[in-house]
Amino acid sequence: FDRHRMSRLYPDADTPGRFIFEASIAPGKPAESETAEAERLGWLEGWLDRDRHCPAGYLIVDRRPIGRAETNVYGHDLRYWVACVEPVENPPKTGG
């Protein structure tokens, strides 16, 4: 299961309510490939769905390669900062 082997999702300790998603690139899944990025975003959505995070959707706040000097316990290549979208309340109805 590529999602489990090639990515992980965890809460952002610096920003409550946000998450960090890390993913690996591999042959056939380069960092700038639209097809590979769609697959990685599918992994992100799978993690969010599994843990019941972001039911109204999410926004990728930032995405960048993980630098050599950064903590990278799992050896992933890309790091995304993810914020949940707040659910929209039904607006009050006006006359008509």
N, C-alpha and C. Protein backbone atom coordinates (compact mmCIF):
# COMPACT_ATOMS: atom_id res chain seq x y z
N PHE A 1 0.85 -1.17 0.00
CA PHE A 1 0.00 0.00 0.00
C PHE A 1 0.90 1.23 0.00
N ASP A 2 1.01 1.90 -1.15
CA ASP A 2 1.94 3.02 -1.30
C ASP A 2 1.73 4.13 -0.26
N ARG A 3 0.48 4.43 0.06
CA ARG A 3 0.23 5.52 1.01
C ARG A 3 0.95 5.29 2.33
N HIS A 4 0.92 4.08 2.83
CA HIS A 4 1.54 3.78 4.12
C HIS A 4 3.06 3.75 4.04
N ARG A 5 3.57 3.34 2.92
CA ARG A 5 5.01 3.21 2.74
C ARG A 5 5.66 4.53 2.33
N MET A 6 4.92 5.36 1.61
CA MET A 6 5.52 6.54 0.99
C MET A 6 5.03 7.88 1.54
N SER A 7 4.23 7.87 2.61
CA SER A 7 3.75 9.13 3.15
C SER A 7 3.32 8.99 4.60
N ARG A 8 3.15 10.14 5.24
CA ARG A 8 2.61 10.16 6.60
C ARG A 8 1.99 11.52 6.85
N LEU A 9 1.08 11.56 7.81
CA LEU A 9 0.37 12.79 8.20
C LEU A 9 0.44 12.90 9.71
N TYR A 10 0.75 14.10 10.19
CA TYR A 10 0.79 14.31 11.65
C TYR A 10 0.43 15.76 11.95
N PRO A 11 -0.03 16.04 13.18
CA PRO A 11 -0.40 17.41 13.54
C PRO A 11 0.83 18.32 13.53
N ASP A 12 0.63 19.56 13.12
CA ASP A 12 1.69 20.57 13.14
C ASP A 12 1.79 21.10 14.56
N ALA A 13 2.87 20.79 15.24
CA ALA A 13 3.05 21.20 16.64
C ALA A 13 3.13 22.72 16.79
N ASP A 14 3.51 23.43 15.73
CA ASP A 14 3.64 24.88 15.80
C ASP A 14 2.35 25.63 15.50
N THR A 15 1.40 24.99 14.84
CA THR A 15 0.17 25.67 14.45
C THR A 15 -1.02 24.75 14.72
N PRO A 16 -1.71 24.96 15.84
CA PRO A 16 -2.88 24.12 16.16
C PRO A 16 -3.90 24.15 15.01
N GLY A 17 -4.49 23.01 14.76
CA GLY A 17 -5.50 22.91 13.71
C GLY A 17 -4.92 22.66 12.33
N ARG A 18 -3.61 22.59 12.22
CA ARG A 18 -2.98 22.30 10.93
C ARG A 18 -2.24 20.98 11.01
N PHE A 19 -1.94 20.45 9.84
CA PHE A 19 -1.25 19.17 9.73
C PHE A 19 -0.05 19.30 8.82
N ILE A 20 0.89 18.39 8.98
CA ILE A 20 2.02 18.27 8.08
C ILE A 20 1.91 16.92 7.40
N PHE A 21 1.97 16.95 6.08
CA PHE A 21 1.93 15.75 5.26
C PHE A 21 3.30 15.62 4.59
N GLU A 22 3.92 14.47 4.73
CA GLU A 22 5.20 14.21 4.09
C GLU A 22 5.04 13.06 3.12
N ALA A 23 5.70 13.19 1.96
CA ALA A 23 5.59 12.16 0.94
C ALA A 23 6.93 11.95 0.26
N SER A 24 7.12 10.75 -0.25
CA SER A 24 8.34 10.41 -0.96
C SER A 24 8.12 10.54 -2.46
N ILE A 25 9.19 10.87 -3.15
CA ILE A 25 9.18 10.77 -4.60
C ILE A 25 9.92 9.48 -4.94
N ALA A 26 9.68 8.96 -6.11
CA ALA A 26 10.30 7.70 -6.53
C ALA A 26 10.35 7.68 -8.05
N PRO A 27 11.10 6.76 -8.61
CA PRO A 27 11.08 6.65 -10.07
C PRO A 27 9.63 6.50 -10.55
N GLY A 28 9.28 7.29 -11.50
CA GLY A 28 7.90 7.27 -12.00
C GLY A 28 6.96 8.16 -11.20
N LYS A 29 7.45 8.75 -10.11
CA LYS A 29 6.63 9.65 -9.29
C LYS A 29 7.44 10.91 -8.95
N PRO A 30 7.96 11.63 -9.98
CA PRO A 30 8.80 12.80 -9.70
C PRO A 30 8.02 13.93 -9.02
N ALA A 31 8.76 14.81 -8.38
CA ALA A 31 8.15 15.88 -7.57
C ALA A 31 7.23 16.78 -8.38
N GLU A 32 7.57 17.09 -9.62
CA GLU A 32 6.79 18.06 -10.39
C GLU A 32 5.83 17.43 -11.40
N SER A 33 5.63 16.15 -11.33
CA SER A 33 4.69 15.46 -12.22
C SER A 33 3.26 15.66 -11.73
N GLU A 34 2.39 16.13 -12.62
CA GLU A 34 0.98 16.32 -12.24
C GLU A 34 0.33 15.00 -11.85
N THR A 35 0.65 13.93 -12.56
CA THR A 35 0.08 12.62 -12.26
C THR A 35 0.54 12.13 -10.90
N ALA A 36 1.85 12.26 -10.62
CA ALA A 36 2.37 11.83 -9.32
C ALA A 36 1.82 12.70 -8.20
N GLU A 37 1.68 14.00 -8.45
CA GLU A 37 1.13 14.90 -7.42
C GLU A 37 -0.32 14.53 -7.12
N ALA A 38 -1.08 14.19 -8.15
CA ALA A 38 -2.47 13.76 -7.92
C ALA A 38 -2.50 12.50 -7.05
N GLU A 39 -1.57 11.59 -7.28
CA GLU A 39 -1.50 10.38 -6.46
C GLU A 39 -1.14 10.73 -5.01
N ARG A 40 -0.15 11.63 -4.83
CA ARG A 40 0.22 12.03 -3.47
C ARG A 40 -0.95 12.71 -2.76
N LEU A 41 -1.69 13.56 -3.47
CA LEU A 41 -2.85 14.22 -2.85
C LEU A 41 -3.93 13.19 -2.51
N GLY A 42 -4.02 12.13 -3.29
CA GLY A 42 -4.93 11.04 -2.95
C GLY A 42 -4.51 10.37 -1.64
N TRP A 43 -3.21 10.23 -1.43
CA TRP A 43 -2.72 9.67 -0.16
C TRP A 43 -3.09 10.60 0.99
N LEU A 44 -2.88 11.92 0.77
CA LEU A 44 -3.24 12.90 1.81
C LEU A 44 -4.71 12.77 2.16
N GLU A 45 -5.57 12.72 1.16
CA GLU A 45 -7.00 12.60 1.40
C GLU A 45 -7.34 11.29 2.10
N GLY A 46 -6.63 10.23 1.77
CA GLY A 46 -6.84 8.96 2.46
C GLY A 46 -6.53 9.06 3.94
N TRP A 47 -5.39 9.72 4.28
CA TRP A 47 -5.05 9.92 5.70
C TRP A 47 -6.09 10.78 6.39
N LEU A 48 -6.49 11.88 5.75
CA LEU A 48 -7.47 12.77 6.36
C LEU A 48 -8.80 12.05 6.58
N ASP A 49 -9.24 11.28 5.60
CA ASP A 49 -10.49 10.53 5.73
C ASP A 49 -10.39 9.48 6.83
N ARG A 50 -9.28 8.76 6.86
CA ARG A 50 -9.12 7.70 7.85
C ARG A 50 -9.24 8.24 9.27
N ASP A 51 -8.64 9.39 9.49
CA ASP A 51 -8.63 9.97 10.84
C ASP A 51 -9.75 10.99 11.07
N ARG A 52 -10.63 11.12 10.08
CA ARG A 52 -11.79 12.02 10.17
C ARG A 52 -11.38 13.48 10.40
N HIS A 53 -10.33 13.91 9.71
CA HIS A 53 -9.90 15.30 9.75
C HIS A 53 -10.46 16.02 8.53
N CYS A 54 -10.70 17.29 8.67
CA CYS A 54 -11.06 18.19 7.55
C CYS A 54 -12.30 17.73 6.78
N PRO A 55 -13.44 17.51 7.45
CA PRO A 55 -14.63 17.05 6.72
C PRO A 55 -15.15 18.04 5.68
N ALA A 56 -14.83 19.33 5.85
CA ALA A 56 -15.29 20.34 4.88
C ALA A 56 -14.23 20.60 3.80
N GLY A 57 -13.13 19.87 3.84
CA GLY A 57 -12.07 20.05 2.85
C GLY A 57 -10.80 20.59 3.48
N TYR A 58 -9.80 20.79 2.64
CA TYR A 58 -8.50 21.25 3.13
C TYR A 58 -7.88 22.20 2.13
N LEU A 59 -6.87 22.91 2.61
CA LEU A 59 -6.10 23.83 1.78
C LEU A 59 -4.63 23.54 2.02
N ILE A 60 -3.86 23.42 0.95
CA ILE A 60 -2.42 23.27 1.10
C ILE A 60 -1.83 24.67 1.23
N VAL A 61 -1.29 24.96 2.40
CA VAL A 61 -0.76 26.28 2.71
C VAL A 61 0.64 26.45 2.12
N ASP A 62 1.42 25.37 2.12
CA ASP A 62 2.78 25.42 1.59
C ASP A 62 3.19 24.00 1.19
N ARG A 63 4.09 23.92 0.22
CA ARG A 63 4.64 22.64 -0.23
C ARG A 63 6.07 22.91 -0.66
N ARG A 64 7.01 22.11 -0.14
CA ARG A 64 8.39 22.29 -0.55
C ARG A 64 9.20 21.03 -0.27
N PRO A 65 10.34 20.91 -0.94
CA PRO A 65 11.22 19.78 -0.66
C PRO A 65 11.73 19.86 0.77
N ILE A 66 11.98 18.71 1.37
CA ILE A 66 12.55 18.66 2.71
C ILE A 66 14.07 18.80 2.56
N GLY A 67 14.61 19.81 3.21
CA GLY A 67 16.05 20.08 3.11
C GLY A 67 16.88 19.08 3.90
N ARG A 68 18.10 18.95 3.52
CA ARG A 68 19.01 18.00 4.19
C ARG A 68 19.21 18.32 5.67
N ALA A 69 19.16 19.59 6.03
CA ALA A 69 19.39 19.99 7.42
C ALA A 69 18.12 19.88 8.27
N GLU A 70 16.98 19.59 7.65
CA GLU A 70 15.73 19.49 8.39
C GLU A 70 15.55 18.10 8.99
N THR A 71 14.83 18.04 10.10
CA THR A 71 14.49 16.75 10.69
C THR A 71 13.64 15.97 9.69
N ASN A 72 14.04 14.74 9.45
CA ASN A 72 13.36 13.92 8.44
C ASN A 72 13.52 12.45 8.81
N VAL A 73 12.87 12.06 9.88
CA VAL A 73 13.02 10.72 10.45
C VAL A 73 12.67 9.63 9.44
N TYR A 74 11.65 9.85 8.63
CA TYR A 74 11.17 8.81 7.72
C TYR A 74 11.78 8.89 6.32
N GLY A 75 12.62 9.89 6.07
CA GLY A 75 13.31 9.98 4.79
C GLY A 75 12.44 10.39 3.62
N HIS A 76 11.34 11.09 3.89
CA HIS A 76 10.48 11.56 2.79
C HIS A 76 11.14 12.74 2.07
N ASP A 77 10.60 13.09 0.92
CA ASP A 77 11.21 14.11 0.07
C ASP A 77 10.45 15.44 0.04
N LEU A 78 9.14 15.39 0.22
CA LEU A 78 8.31 16.59 0.13
C LEU A 78 7.54 16.80 1.43
N ARG A 79 7.36 18.06 1.81
CA ARG A 79 6.58 18.38 3.02
C ARG A 79 5.52 19.40 2.63
N TYR A 80 4.29 19.12 3.06
CA TYR A 80 3.14 19.98 2.79
C TYR A 80 2.57 20.44 4.14
N TRP A 81 2.19 21.70 4.21
CA TRP A 81 1.47 22.20 5.39
C TRP A 81 0.01 22.32 4.97
N VAL A 82 -0.87 21.69 5.76
CA VAL A 82 -2.27 21.53 5.38
C VAL A 82 -3.17 22.14 6.45
N ALA A 83 -4.12 22.96 6.02
CA ALA A 83 -5.11 23.55 6.93
C ALA A 83 -6.50 23.05 6.55
N CYS A 84 -7.29 22.75 7.55
CA CYS A 84 -8.67 22.35 7.30
C CYS A 84 -9.50 23.57 6.94
N VAL A 85 -10.43 23.39 6.03
CA VAL A 85 -11.38 24.44 5.67
C VAL A 85 -12.51 24.38 6.67
N GLU A 86 -12.90 25.54 7.16
CA GLU A 86 -14.01 25.58 8.11
C GLU A 86 -15.32 25.35 7.38
N PRO A 87 -16.24 24.57 7.97
CA PRO A 87 -17.54 24.37 7.34
C PRO A 87 -18.28 25.70 7.20
N VAL A 88 -18.99 25.86 6.11
CA VAL A 88 -19.77 27.07 5.88
C VAL A 88 -21.15 26.88 6.51
N GLU A 89 -21.52 27.81 7.34
CA GLU A 89 -22.86 27.78 7.93
C GLU A 89 -23.86 28.23 6.87
N ASN A 90 -25.08 27.76 6.99
CA ASN A 90 -26.12 28.22 6.08
C ASN A 90 -26.40 29.69 6.36
N PRO A 91 -26.27 30.55 5.34
CA PRO A 91 -26.55 31.97 5.58
C PRO A 91 -28.04 32.19 5.87
N PRO A 92 -28.35 33.22 6.64
CA PRO A 92 -29.77 33.47 6.92
C PRO A 92 -30.49 33.85 5.63
N LYS A 93 -31.72 33.39 5.51
CA LYS A 93 -32.51 33.72 4.32
C LYS A 93 -33.08 35.11 4.47
N THR A 94 -33.07 35.82 3.35
CA THR A 94 -33.64 37.17 3.35
C THR A 94 -34.96 37.13 2.60
N GLY A 95 -35.71 38.16 2.78
CA GLY A 95 -37.05 38.24 2.16
C GLY A 95 -37.04 38.01 0.67
N GLY A 96 -38.18 37.85 0.11
CA GLY A 96 -38.17 37.63 -1.32
C GLY A 96 -39.43 37.13 -1.78
